[in-house]
Amino acid sequence: MRLRILSPIRWFTLGVAGKTSWEWMKLLLIPLFLTGGALYLENQVERRQERIAAERYEQEAQIAAERAKQETLTSYFEQTKELLLSEN
């Protein structure tokens, strides 16, 4: 099977020439709006994921700081207990 290349004259016979600018605009606006909407939603999802990751990082840092404080306090109490028991 041989492919034929359509000449510019042949395009006019396919109904392209009779389209008005309003018809072309209606034809192209829907894909443009859908593409724009998809890009907007993708951007929103990405921003939300970044915010969630930042919040998670902050929570993990707070937990680590609390754990360090708890370990320091436990160590202090153990040392105080040993000192009190060894002196008496």
PDB file of N, CA and C in Angstrom:
ATOM      1  N   MET A   1       0.851  -1.178   0.000  1.00  0.00           N
ATOM      2  CA  MET A   1       0.000   0.000   0.000  1.00  0.00           C
ATOM      3  C   MET A   1       0.894   1.238   0.000  1.00  0.00           C
ATOM      4  N   ARG A   2       0.571   2.162  -0.850  1.00  0.00           N
ATOM      5  CA  ARG A   2       1.369   3.361  -0.998  1.00  0.00           C
ATOM      6  C   ARG A   2       0.664   4.527  -0.331  1.00  0.00           C
ATOM      7  N   LEU A   3       1.409   5.312   0.463  1.00  0.00           N
ATOM      8  CA  LEU A   3       0.834   6.490   1.107  1.00  0.00           C
ATOM      9  C   LEU A   3       0.842   7.649   0.132  1.00  0.00           C
ATOM     10  N   ARG A   4      -0.254   8.363   0.132  1.00  0.00           N
ATOM     11  CA  ARG A   4      -0.323   9.541  -0.731  1.00  0.00           C
ATOM     12  C   ARG A   4      -0.215  10.787   0.131  1.00  0.00           C
ATOM     13  N   ILE A   5       0.555  11.719  -0.333  1.00  0.00           N
ATOM     14  CA  ILE A   5       0.653  13.009   0.334  1.00  0.00           C
ATOM     15  C   ILE A   5      -0.386  13.920  -0.293  1.00  0.00           C
ATOM     16  N   LEU A   6      -1.210  14.514   0.572  1.00  0.00           N
ATOM     17  CA  LEU A   6      -2.272  15.386   0.061  1.00  0.00           C
ATOM     18  C   LEU A   6      -1.703  16.742  -0.315  1.00  0.00           C
ATOM     19  N   SER A   7      -2.056  17.182  -1.442  1.00  0.00           N
ATOM     20  CA  SER A   7      -1.622  18.501  -1.874  1.00  0.00           C
ATOM     21  C   SER A   7      -2.471  19.554  -1.173  1.00  0.00           C
ATOM     22  N   PRO A   8      -2.012  20.808  -1.129  1.00  0.00           N
ATOM     23  CA  PRO A   8      -2.808  21.864  -0.500  1.00  0.00           C
ATOM     24  C   PRO A   8      -4.192  21.996  -1.105  1.00  0.00           C
ATOM     25  N   ILE A   9      -4.314  21.724  -2.376  1.00  0.00           N
ATOM     26  CA  ILE A   9      -5.625  21.812  -3.024  1.00  0.00           C
ATOM     27  C   ILE A   9      -6.547  20.730  -2.469  1.00  0.00           C
ATOM     28  N   ARG A  10      -6.016  19.572  -2.182  1.00  0.00           N
ATOM     29  CA  ARG A  10      -6.810  18.462  -1.667  1.00  0.00           C
ATOM     30  C   ARG A  10      -7.326  18.762  -0.254  1.00  0.00           C
ATOM     31  N   TRP A  11      -6.572  19.509   0.552  1.00  0.00           N
ATOM     32  CA  TRP A  11      -7.019  19.866   1.907  1.00  0.00           C
ATOM     33  C   TRP A  11      -8.339  20.627   1.860  1.00  0.00           C
ATOM     34  N   PHE A  12      -8.478  21.472   0.904  1.00  0.00           N
ATOM     35  CA  PHE A  12      -9.711  22.252   0.808  1.00  0.00           C
ATOM     36  C   PHE A  12     -10.912  21.360   0.533  1.00  0.00           C
ATOM     37  N   THR A  13     -10.696  20.257  -0.136  1.00  0.00           N
ATOM     38  CA  THR A  13     -11.818  19.358  -0.412  1.00  0.00           C
ATOM     39  C   THR A  13     -12.177  18.501   0.796  1.00  0.00           C
ATOM     40  N   LEU A  14     -11.335  18.487   1.827  1.00  0.00           N
ATOM     41  CA  LEU A  14     -11.620  17.722   3.045  1.00  0.00           C
ATOM     42  C   LEU A  14     -12.496  18.502   4.021  1.00  0.00           C
ATOM     43  N   GLY A  15     -12.849  19.715   3.714  1.00  0.00           N
ATOM     44  CA  GLY A  15     -13.726  20.498   4.571  1.00  0.00           C
ATOM     45  C   GLY A  15     -13.006  21.438   5.508  1.00  0.00           C
ATOM     46  N   VAL A  16     -11.711  21.540   5.388  1.00  0.00           N
ATOM     47  CA  VAL A  16     -10.942  22.422   6.264  1.00  0.00           C
ATOM     48  C   VAL A  16     -11.159  23.879   5.891  1.00  0.00           C
ATOM     49  N   ALA A  17     -11.286  24.151   4.623  1.00  0.00           N
ATOM     50  CA  ALA A  17     -11.380  25.530   4.163  1.00  0.00           C
ATOM     51  C   ALA A  17     -12.679  26.191   4.583  1.00  0.00           C
ATOM     52  N   GLY A  18     -13.733  25.434   4.777  1.00  0.00           N
ATOM     53  CA  GLY A  18     -15.020  26.031   5.092  1.00  0.00           C
ATOM     54  C   GLY A  18     -15.234  26.329   6.570  1.00  0.00           C
ATOM     55  N   LYS A  19     -14.268  26.050   7.404  1.00  0.00           N
ATOM     56  CA  LYS A  19     -14.432  26.261   8.846  1.00  0.00           C
ATOM     57  C   LYS A  19     -14.201  27.728   9.192  1.00  0.00           C
ATOM     58  N   THR A  20     -15.055  28.241  10.046  1.00  0.00           N
ATOM     59  CA  THR A  20     -14.890  29.621  10.499  1.00  0.00           C
ATOM     60  C   THR A  20     -13.948  29.638  11.693  1.00  0.00           C
ATOM     61  N   SER A  21     -13.501  30.833  12.041  1.00  0.00           N
ATOM     62  CA  SER A  21     -12.600  30.943  13.189  1.00  0.00           C
ATOM     63  C   SER A  21     -13.312  30.531  14.474  1.00  0.00           C
ATOM     64  N   TRP A  22     -14.606  30.782  14.584  1.00  0.00           N
ATOM     65  CA  TRP A  22     -15.356  30.366  15.772  1.00  0.00           C
ATOM     66  C   TRP A  22     -15.387  28.840  15.875  1.00  0.00           C
ATOM     67  N   GLU A  23     -15.551  28.156  14.760  1.00  0.00           N
ATOM     68  CA  GLU A  23     -15.549  26.690  14.769  1.00  0.00           C
ATOM     69  C   GLU A  23     -14.179  26.144  15.173  1.00  0.00           C
ATOM     70  N   TRP A  24     -13.116  26.769  14.665  1.00  0.00           N
ATOM     71  CA  TRP A  24     -11.772  26.355  15.059  1.00  0.00           C
ATOM     72  C   TRP A  24     -11.546  26.613  16.540  1.00  0.00           C
ATOM     73  N   MET A  25     -12.036  27.757  17.028  1.00  0.00           N
ATOM     74  CA  MET A  25     -11.854  28.088  18.431  1.00  0.00           C
ATOM     75  C   MET A  25     -12.586  27.078  19.309  1.00  0.00           C
ATOM     76  N   LYS A  26     -13.821  26.720  18.945  1.00  0.00           N
ATOM     77  CA  LYS A  26     -14.564  25.725  19.717  1.00  0.00           C
ATOM     78  C   LYS A  26     -13.832  24.386  19.703  1.00  0.00           C
ATOM     79  N   LEU A  27     -13.243  24.069  18.576  1.00  0.00           N
ATOM     80  CA  LEU A  27     -12.539  22.806  18.440  1.00  0.00           C
ATOM     81  C   LEU A  27     -11.279  22.766  19.310  1.00  0.00           C
ATOM     82  N   LEU A  28     -10.599  23.888  19.430  1.00  0.00           N
ATOM     83  CA  LEU A  28      -9.334  23.925  20.156  1.00  0.00           C
ATOM     84  C   LEU A  28      -9.470  24.307  21.626  1.00  0.00           C
ATOM     85  N   LEU A  29     -10.549  24.990  22.002  1.00  0.00           N
ATOM     86  CA  LEU A  29     -10.675  25.449  23.383  1.00  0.00           C
ATOM     87  C   LEU A  29     -10.829  24.310  24.382  1.00  0.00           C
ATOM     88  N   ILE A  30     -11.585  23.304  24.050  1.00  0.00           N
ATOM     89  CA  ILE A  30     -11.811  22.208  24.992  1.00  0.00           C
ATOM     90  C   ILE A  30     -10.495  21.513  25.354  1.00  0.00           C
ATOM     91  N   PRO A  31      -9.675  21.112  24.392  1.00  0.00           N
ATOM     92  CA  PRO A  31      -8.391  20.505  24.780  1.00  0.00           C
ATOM     93  C   PRO A  31      -7.492  21.464  25.556  1.00  0.00           C
ATOM     94  N   LEU A  32      -7.529  22.757  25.184  1.00  0.00           N
ATOM     95  CA  LEU A  32      -6.713  23.722  25.914  1.00  0.00           C
ATOM     96  C   LEU A  32      -7.173  23.852  27.362  1.00  0.00           C
ATOM     97  N   PHE A  33      -8.479  23.929  27.589  1.00  0.00           N
ATOM     98  CA  PHE A  33      -8.995  24.007  28.953  1.00  0.00           C
ATOM     99  C   PHE A  33      -8.684  22.739  29.733  1.00  0.00           C
ATOM    100  N   LEU A  34      -8.837  21.590  29.101  1.00  0.00           N
ATOM    101  CA  LEU A  34      -8.535  20.332  29.787  1.00  0.00           C
ATOM    102  C   LEU A  34      -7.055  20.238  30.147  1.00  0.00           C
ATOM    103  N   THR A  35      -6.198  20.654  29.234  1.00  0.00           N
ATOM    104  CA  THR A  35      -4.764  20.646  29.504  1.00  0.00           C
ATOM    105  C   THR A  35      -4.422  21.612  30.629  1.00  0.00           C
ATOM    106  N   GLY A  36      -4.991  22.814  30.568  1.00  0.00           N
ATOM    107  CA  GLY A  36      -4.752  23.794  31.630  1.00  0.00           C
ATOM    108  C   GLY A  36      -5.252  23.297  32.975  1.00  0.00           C
ATOM    109  N   GLY A  37      -6.427  22.687  32.996  1.00  0.00           N
ATOM    110  CA  GLY A  37      -6.966  22.146  34.241  1.00  0.00           C
ATOM    111  C   GLY A  37      -6.101  21.033  34.796  1.00  0.00           C
ATOM    112  N   ALA A  38      -5.613  20.163  33.920  1.00  0.00           N
ATOM    113  CA  ALA A  38      -4.747  19.067  34.366  1.00  0.00           C
ATOM    114  C   ALA A  38      -3.441  19.603  34.938  1.00  0.00           C
ATOM    115  N   LEU A  39      -2.859  20.606  34.280  1.00  0.00           N
ATOM    116  CA  LEU A  39      -1.622  21.200  34.787  1.00  0.00           C
ATOM    117  C   LEU A  39      -1.844  21.883  36.129  1.00  0.00           C
ATOM    118  N   TYR A  40      -2.974  22.576  36.266  1.00  0.00           N
ATOM    119  CA  TYR A  40      -3.299  23.237  37.532  1.00  0.00           C
ATOM    120  C   TYR A  40      -3.446  22.213  38.655  1.00  0.00           C
ATOM    121  N   LEU A  41      -4.189  21.147  38.394  1.00  0.00           N
ATOM    122  CA  LEU A  41      -4.388  20.121  39.423  1.00  0.00           C
ATOM    123  C   LEU A  41      -3.078  19.430  39.785  1.00  0.00           C
ATOM    124  N   GLU A  42      -2.252  19.175  38.800  1.00  0.00           N
ATOM    125  CA  GLU A  42      -0.955  18.556  39.068  1.00  0.00           C
ATOM    126  C   GLU A  42      -0.099  19.464  39.943  1.00  0.00           C
ATOM    127  N   ASN A  43      -0.132  20.763  39.674  1.00  0.00           N
ATOM    128  CA  ASN A  43       0.612  21.728  40.475  1.00  0.00           C
ATOM    129  C   ASN A  43       0.096  21.752  41.908  1.00  0.00           C
ATOM    130  N   GLN A  44      -1.218  21.716  42.073  1.00  0.00           N
ATOM    131  CA  GLN A  44      -1.803  21.730  43.414  1.00  0.00           C
ATOM    132  C   GLN A  44      -1.410  20.475  44.196  1.00  0.00           C
ATOM    133  N   VAL A  45      -1.437  19.336  43.540  1.00  0.00           N
ATOM    134  CA  VAL A  45      -1.061  18.083  44.204  1.00  0.00           C
ATOM    135  C   VAL A  45       0.405  18.128  44.619  1.00  0.00           C
ATOM    136  N   GLU A  46       1.258  18.637  43.745  1.00  0.00           N
ATOM    137  CA  GLU A  46       2.684  18.730  44.049  1.00  0.00           C
ATOM    138  C   GLU A  46       2.932  19.659  45.235  1.00  0.00           C
ATOM    139  N   ARG A  47       2.258  20.810  45.246  1.00  0.00           N
ATOM    140  CA  ARG A  47       2.422  21.744  46.365  1.00  0.00           C
ATOM    141  C   ARG A  47       1.945  21.124  47.669  1.00  0.00           C
ATOM    142  N   ARG A  48       0.835  20.380  47.623  1.00  0.00           N
ATOM    143  CA  ARG A  48       0.319  19.740  48.832  1.00  0.00           C
ATOM    144  C   ARG A  48       1.294  18.672  49.330  1.00  0.00           C
ATOM    145  N   GLN A  49       1.860  17.891  48.422  1.00  0.00           N
ATOM    146  CA  GLN A  49       2.821  16.871  48.825  1.00  0.00           C
ATOM    147  C   GLN A  49       4.064  17.497  49.447  1.00  0.00           C
ATOM    148  N   GLU A  50       4.516  18.617  48.904  1.00  0.00           N
ATOM    149  CA  GLU A  50       5.667  19.313  49.479  1.00  0.00           C
ATOM    150  C   GLU A  50       5.346  19.821  50.876  1.00  0.00           C
ATOM    151  N   ARG A  51       4.138  20.361  51.056  1.00  0.00           N
ATOM    152  CA  ARG A  51       3.735  20.855  52.372  1.00  0.00           C
ATOM    153  C   ARG A  51       3.648  19.711  53.382  1.00  0.00           C
ATOM    154  N   ILE A  52       3.088  18.586  52.962  1.00  0.00           N
ATOM    155  CA  ILE A  52       2.988  17.427  53.852  1.00  0.00           C
ATOM    156  C   ILE A  52       4.379  16.917  54.225  1.00  0.00           C
ATOM    157  N   ALA A  53       5.291  16.881  53.262  1.00  0.00           N
ATOM    158  CA  ALA A  53       6.660  16.433  53.540  1.00  0.00           C
ATOM    159  C   ALA A  53       7.350  17.376  54.520  1.00  0.00           C
ATOM    160  N   ALA A  54       7.139  18.677  54.366  1.00  0.00           N
ATOM    161  CA  ALA A  54       7.742  19.646  55.288  1.00  0.00           C
ATOM    162  C   ALA A  54       7.170  19.481  56.692  1.00  0.00           C
ATOM    163  N   GLU A  55       5.861  19.278  56.787  1.00  0.00           N
ATOM    164  CA  GLU A  55       5.243  19.064  58.098  1.00  0.00           C
ATOM    165  C   GLU A  55       5.765  17.784  58.743  1.00  0.00           C
ATOM    166  N   ARG A  56       5.905  16.731  57.960  1.00  0.00           N
ATOM    167  CA  ARG A  56       6.414  15.461  58.482  1.00  0.00           C
ATOM    168  C   ARG A  56       7.847  15.630  58.986  1.00  0.00           C
ATOM    169  N   TYR A  57       8.670  16.353  58.233  1.00  0.00           N
ATOM    170  CA  TYR A  57      10.050  16.595  58.648  1.00  0.00           C
ATOM    171  C   TYR A  57      10.078  17.362  59.963  1.00  0.00           C
ATOM    172  N   GLU A  58       9.222  18.375  60.081  1.00  0.00           N
ATOM    173  CA  GLU A  58       9.165  19.172  61.303  1.00  0.00           C
ATOM    174  C   GLU A  58       8.721  18.317  62.490  1.00  0.00           C
ATOM    175  N   GLN A  59       7.734  17.462  62.287  1.00  0.00           N
ATOM    176  CA  GLN A  59       7.270  16.584  63.364  1.00  0.00           C
ATOM    177  C   GLN A  59       8.361  15.612  63.790  1.00  0.00           C
ATOM    178  N   GLU A  60       9.079  15.051  62.836  1.00  0.00           N
ATOM    179  CA  GLU A  60      10.161  14.129  63.164  1.00  0.00           C
ATOM    180  C   GLU A  60      11.269  14.839  63.931  1.00  0.00           C
ATOM    181  N   ALA A  61      11.557  16.088  63.577  1.00  0.00           N
ATOM    182  CA  ALA A  61      12.568  16.858  64.300  1.00  0.00           C
ATOM    183  C   ALA A  61      12.110  17.120  65.730  1.00  0.00           C
ATOM    184  N   GLN A  62      10.832  17.438  65.926  1.00  0.00           N
ATOM    185  CA  GLN A  62      10.305  17.656  67.272  1.00  0.00           C
ATOM    186  C   GLN A  62      10.356  16.372  68.093  1.00  0.00           C
ATOM    187  N   ILE A  63      10.011  15.257  67.479  1.00  0.00           N
ATOM    188  CA  ILE A  63      10.059  13.974  68.184  1.00  0.00           C
ATOM    189  C   ILE A  63      11.492  13.647  68.595  1.00  0.00           C
ATOM    190  N   ALA A  64      12.443  13.885  67.705  1.00  0.00           N
ATOM    191  CA  ALA A  64      13.851  13.626  68.024  1.00  0.00           C
ATOM    192  C   ALA A  64      14.320  14.524  69.164  1.00  0.00           C
ATOM    193  N   ALA A  65      13.904  15.780  69.164  1.00  0.00           N
ATOM    194  CA  ALA A  65      14.291  16.697  70.240  1.00  0.00           C
ATOM    195  C   ALA A  65      13.677  16.255  71.566  1.00  0.00           C
ATOM    196  N   GLU A  66      12.419  15.851  71.553  1.00  0.00           N
ATOM    197  CA  GLU A  66      11.764  15.367  72.778  1.00  0.00           C
ATOM    198  C   GLU A  66      12.439  14.094  73.286  1.00  0.00           C
ATOM    199  N   ARG A  67      12.805  13.220  72.375  1.00  0.00           N
ATOM    200  CA  ARG A  67      13.483  11.980  72.764  1.00  0.00           C
ATOM    201  C   ARG A  67      14.831  12.294  73.411  1.00  0.00           C
ATOM    202  N   ALA A  68      15.564  13.251  72.848  1.00  0.00           N
ATOM    203  CA  ALA A  68      16.857  13.635  73.424  1.00  0.00           C
ATOM    204  C   ALA A  68      16.669  14.231  74.814  1.00  0.00           C
ATOM    205  N   LYS A  69      15.643  15.059  74.993  1.00  0.00           N
ATOM    206  CA  LYS A  69      15.365  15.631  76.318  1.00  0.00           C
ATOM    207  C   LYS A  69      15.024  14.534  77.316  1.00  0.00           C
ATOM    208  N   GLN A  70      14.201  13.576  76.871  1.00  0.00           N
ATOM    209  CA  GLN A  70      13.796  12.476  77.749  1.00  0.00           C
ATOM    210  C   GLN A  70      15.002  11.631  78.157  1.00  0.00           C
ATOM    211  N   GLU A  71      15.893  11.354  77.228  1.00  0.00           N
ATOM    212  CA  GLU A  71      17.092  10.580  77.540  1.00  0.00           C
ATOM    213  C   GLU A  71      17.993  11.336  78.507  1.00  0.00           C
ATOM    214  N   THR A  72      18.132  12.641  78.314  1.00  0.00           N
ATOM    215  CA  THR A  72      18.941  13.451  79.221  1.00  0.00           C
ATOM    216  C   THR A  72      18.351  13.441  80.624  1.00  0.00           C
ATOM    217  N   LEU A  73      17.048  13.595  80.722  1.00  0.00           N
ATOM    218  CA  LEU A  73      16.380  13.600  82.018  1.00  0.00           C
ATOM    219  C   LEU A  73      16.495  12.236  82.700  1.00  0.00           C
ATOM    220  N   THR A  74      16.326  11.174  81.952  1.00  0.00           N
ATOM    221  CA  THR A  74      16.463   9.825  82.516  1.00  0.00           C
ATOM    222  C   THR A  74      17.884   9.593  83.014  1.00  0.00           C
ATOM    223  N   SER A  75      18.859  10.013  82.240  1.00  0.00           N
ATOM    224  CA  SER A  75      20.257   9.886  82.650  1.00  0.00           C
ATOM    225  C   SER A  75      20.524  10.688  83.920  1.00  0.00           C
ATOM    226  N   TYR A  76      19.985  11.878  84.005  1.00  0.00           N
ATOM    227  CA  TYR A  76      20.155  12.719  85.202  1.00  0.00           C
ATOM    228  C   TYR A  76      19.575  12.023  86.429  1.00  0.00           C
ATOM    229  N   PHE A  77      18.370  11.484  86.307  1.00  0.00           N
ATOM    230  CA  PHE A  77      17.739  10.803  87.438  1.00  0.00           C
ATOM    231  C   PHE A  77      18.535   9.562  87.852  1.00  0.00           C
ATOM    232  N   GLU A  78      19.060   8.823  86.902  1.00  0.00           N
ATOM    233  CA  GLU A  78      19.863   7.640  87.214  1.00  0.00           C
ATOM    234  C   GLU A  78      21.134   8.032  87.966  1.00  0.00           C
ATOM    235  N   GLN A  79      21.804   9.080  87.494  1.00  0.00           N
ATOM    236  CA  GLN A  79      23.027   9.527  88.163  1.00  0.00           C
ATOM    237  C   GLN A  79      22.725  10.056  89.556  1.00  0.00           C
ATOM    238  N   THR A  80      21.635  10.788  89.711  1.00  0.00           N
ATOM    239  CA  THR A  80      21.246  11.307  91.027  1.00  0.00           C
ATOM    240  C   THR A  80      20.937  10.148  91.967  1.00  0.00           C
ATOM    241  N   LYS A  81      20.229   9.150  91.495  1.00  0.00           N
ATOM    242  CA  LYS A  81      19.884   7.987  92.307  1.00  0.00           C
ATOM    243  C   LYS A  81      21.150   7.252  92.756  1.00  0.00           C
ATOM    244  N   GLU A  82      22.106   7.077  91.829  1.00  0.00           N
ATOM    245  CA  GLU A  82      23.360   6.405  92.180  1.00  0.00           C
ATOM    246  C   GLU A  82      24.141   7.195  93.220  1.00  0.00           C
ATOM    247  N   LEU A  83      24.171   8.510  93.076  1.00  0.00           N
ATOM    248  CA  LEU A  83      24.885   9.340  94.048  1.00  0.00           C
ATOM    249  C   LEU A  83      24.233   9.264  95.427  1.00  0.00           C
ATOM    250  N   LEU A  84      22.923   9.320  95.473  1.00  0.00           N
ATOM    251  CA  LEU A  84      22.219   9.254  96.753  1.00  0.00           C
ATOM    252  C   LEU A  84      22.409   7.888  97.418  1.00  0.00           C
ATOM    253  N   LEU A  85      22.376   6.833  96.647  1.00  0.00           N
ATOM    254  CA  LEU A  85      22.534   5.497  97.215  1.00  0.00           C
ATOM    255  C   LEU A  85      23.970   5.221  97.643  1.00  0.00           C
ATOM    256  N   SER A  86      24.930   5.759  96.922  1.00  0.00           N
ATOM    257  CA  SER A  86      26.332   5.509  97.269  1.00  0.00           C
ATOM    258  C   SER A  86      26.771   6.299  98.491  1.00  0.00           C
ATOM    259  N   GLU A  87      26.187   7.430  98.770  1.00  0.00           N
ATOM    260  CA  GLU A  87      26.575   8.238  99.927  1.00  0.00           C
ATOM    261  C   GLU A  87      25.942   7.722 101.209  1.00  0.00           C
ATOM    262  N   ASN A  88      24.824   7.075 101.149  1.00  0.00           N
ATOM    263  CA  ASN A  88      24.158   6.584 102.367  1.00  0.00           C
ATOM    264  C   ASN A  88      24.521   5.199 102.688  1.00  0.00           C
TER     265      ASN A  88
END
